[in-house]
Amino acid sequence: MQKRLGFIGVIIHNRRKTAPLVNNILTEFGDLIIGRMGIPHVKKEYSVIVVIVDASTDELGALTGKLGKLEGVSVKSALSKEEI
């Protein structure tokens, strides 16, 4: 499987309840993650996380699929066109 550079954007609604579940999934897929940045919006109980990955389409799909199944989580992702 070809691995490509990509990113995942995650918006977490009700961060106190859902953020620990998101972190557990990210830890499970930690071998794909190059880096991540999280920004909390404290007043509105939202968080935004951007995750940089080195993954195949199947691996990215598995990760984003698990995240997307969580209640209150929105996920978008993209991979580079060329293998790295």
Protein backbone atom coordinates (compact mmCIF):
# COMPACT_ATOMS: atom_id res chain seq x y z
CA MET A 1 0.00 0.00 0.00
CA GLN A 2 1.25 3.46 -0.88
CA LYS A 3 1.65 5.83 2.02
CA ARG A 4 1.02 9.49 1.40
CA LEU A 5 1.22 12.68 3.41
CA GLY A 6 -2.13 13.97 4.54
CA PHE A 7 -4.16 15.71 7.19
CA ILE A 8 -7.30 15.20 9.23
CA GLY A 9 -9.39 18.08 10.53
CA VAL A 10 -11.51 17.24 13.56
CA ILE A 11 -14.12 19.46 15.21
CA ILE A 12 -15.25 18.26 18.61
CA HIS A 13 -18.56 19.46 20.04
CA ASN A 14 -18.87 19.17 23.83
CA ARG A 15 -15.15 18.72 24.28
CA ARG A 16 -15.25 17.70 27.95
CA LYS A 17 -17.31 14.62 27.10
CA THR A 18 -15.89 13.70 23.69
CA ALA A 19 -12.22 14.78 23.68
CA PRO A 20 -11.03 11.79 25.77
CA LEU A 21 -12.66 9.40 23.27
CA VAL A 22 -10.97 11.19 20.35
CA ASN A 23 -7.61 11.05 22.12
CA ASN A 24 -8.01 7.29 22.69
CA ILE A 25 -8.56 6.72 18.96
CA LEU A 26 -5.63 8.96 18.01
CA THR A 27 -3.43 7.00 20.41
CA GLU A 28 -4.58 3.73 18.82
CA PHE A 29 -3.44 5.04 15.41
CA GLY A 30 -0.34 6.79 16.77
CA ASP A 31 2.03 5.05 14.35
CA LEU A 32 0.42 6.99 11.45
CA ILE A 33 0.62 10.40 13.12
CA ILE A 34 3.46 12.79 12.36
CA GLY A 35 2.11 15.66 14.45
CA ARG A 36 -1.01 17.30 15.77
CA MET A 37 -2.27 20.65 16.96
CA GLY A 38 -5.35 21.19 19.09
CA ILE A 39 -7.09 24.48 19.80
CA PRO A 40 -9.89 24.63 22.40
CA HIS A 41 -12.70 27.18 22.17
CA VAL A 42 -13.35 27.27 25.89
CA LYS A 43 -16.42 29.54 25.89
CA LYS A 44 -18.30 27.41 23.38
CA GLU A 45 -17.08 23.97 24.49
CA TYR A 46 -15.61 23.17 21.06
CA SER A 47 -12.15 22.00 20.08
CA VAL A 48 -10.44 21.85 16.71
CA ILE A 49 -7.65 19.33 16.10
CA VAL A 50 -5.49 19.09 13.00
CA VAL A 51 -3.57 15.84 12.62
CA ILE A 52 -0.76 15.35 10.07
CA VAL A 53 -0.46 11.73 8.93
CA ASP A 54 1.71 9.45 6.80
CA ALA A 55 -0.86 6.83 5.81
CA SER A 56 -2.39 4.74 3.05
CA THR A 57 -5.98 5.38 1.98
CA ASP A 58 -7.11 2.29 3.90
CA GLU A 59 -5.36 3.40 7.09
CA LEU A 60 -6.73 6.92 6.78
CA GLY A 61 -10.22 5.53 6.20
CA ALA A 62 -10.00 3.33 9.29
CA LEU A 63 -8.91 6.25 11.46
CA THR A 64 -11.42 8.79 10.14
CA GLY A 65 -14.18 6.18 10.20
CA LYS A 66 -13.69 5.55 13.90
CA LEU A 67 -13.54 9.27 14.65
CA GLY A 68 -16.62 9.99 12.54
CA LYS A 69 -18.70 7.43 14.42
CA LEU A 70 -18.33 9.40 17.65
CA GLU A 71 -21.31 11.55 18.55
CA GLY A 72 -20.49 15.25 18.28
CA VAL A 73 -17.39 14.80 16.09
CA SER A 74 -17.01 16.20 12.55
CA VAL A 75 -14.12 14.91 10.42
CA LYS A 76 -12.59 15.85 7.06
CA SER A 77 -9.37 14.52 5.55
CA ALA A 78 -7.15 14.61 2.50
CA LEU A 79 -4.02 12.86 1.21
CA SER A 80 -1.36 14.16 -1.18
CA LYS A 81 -1.61 13.03 -4.79
CA GLU A 82 1.85 11.51 -4.80
CA GLU A 83 3.56 8.94 -2.61
CA ILE A 84 6.14 10.35 -0.22
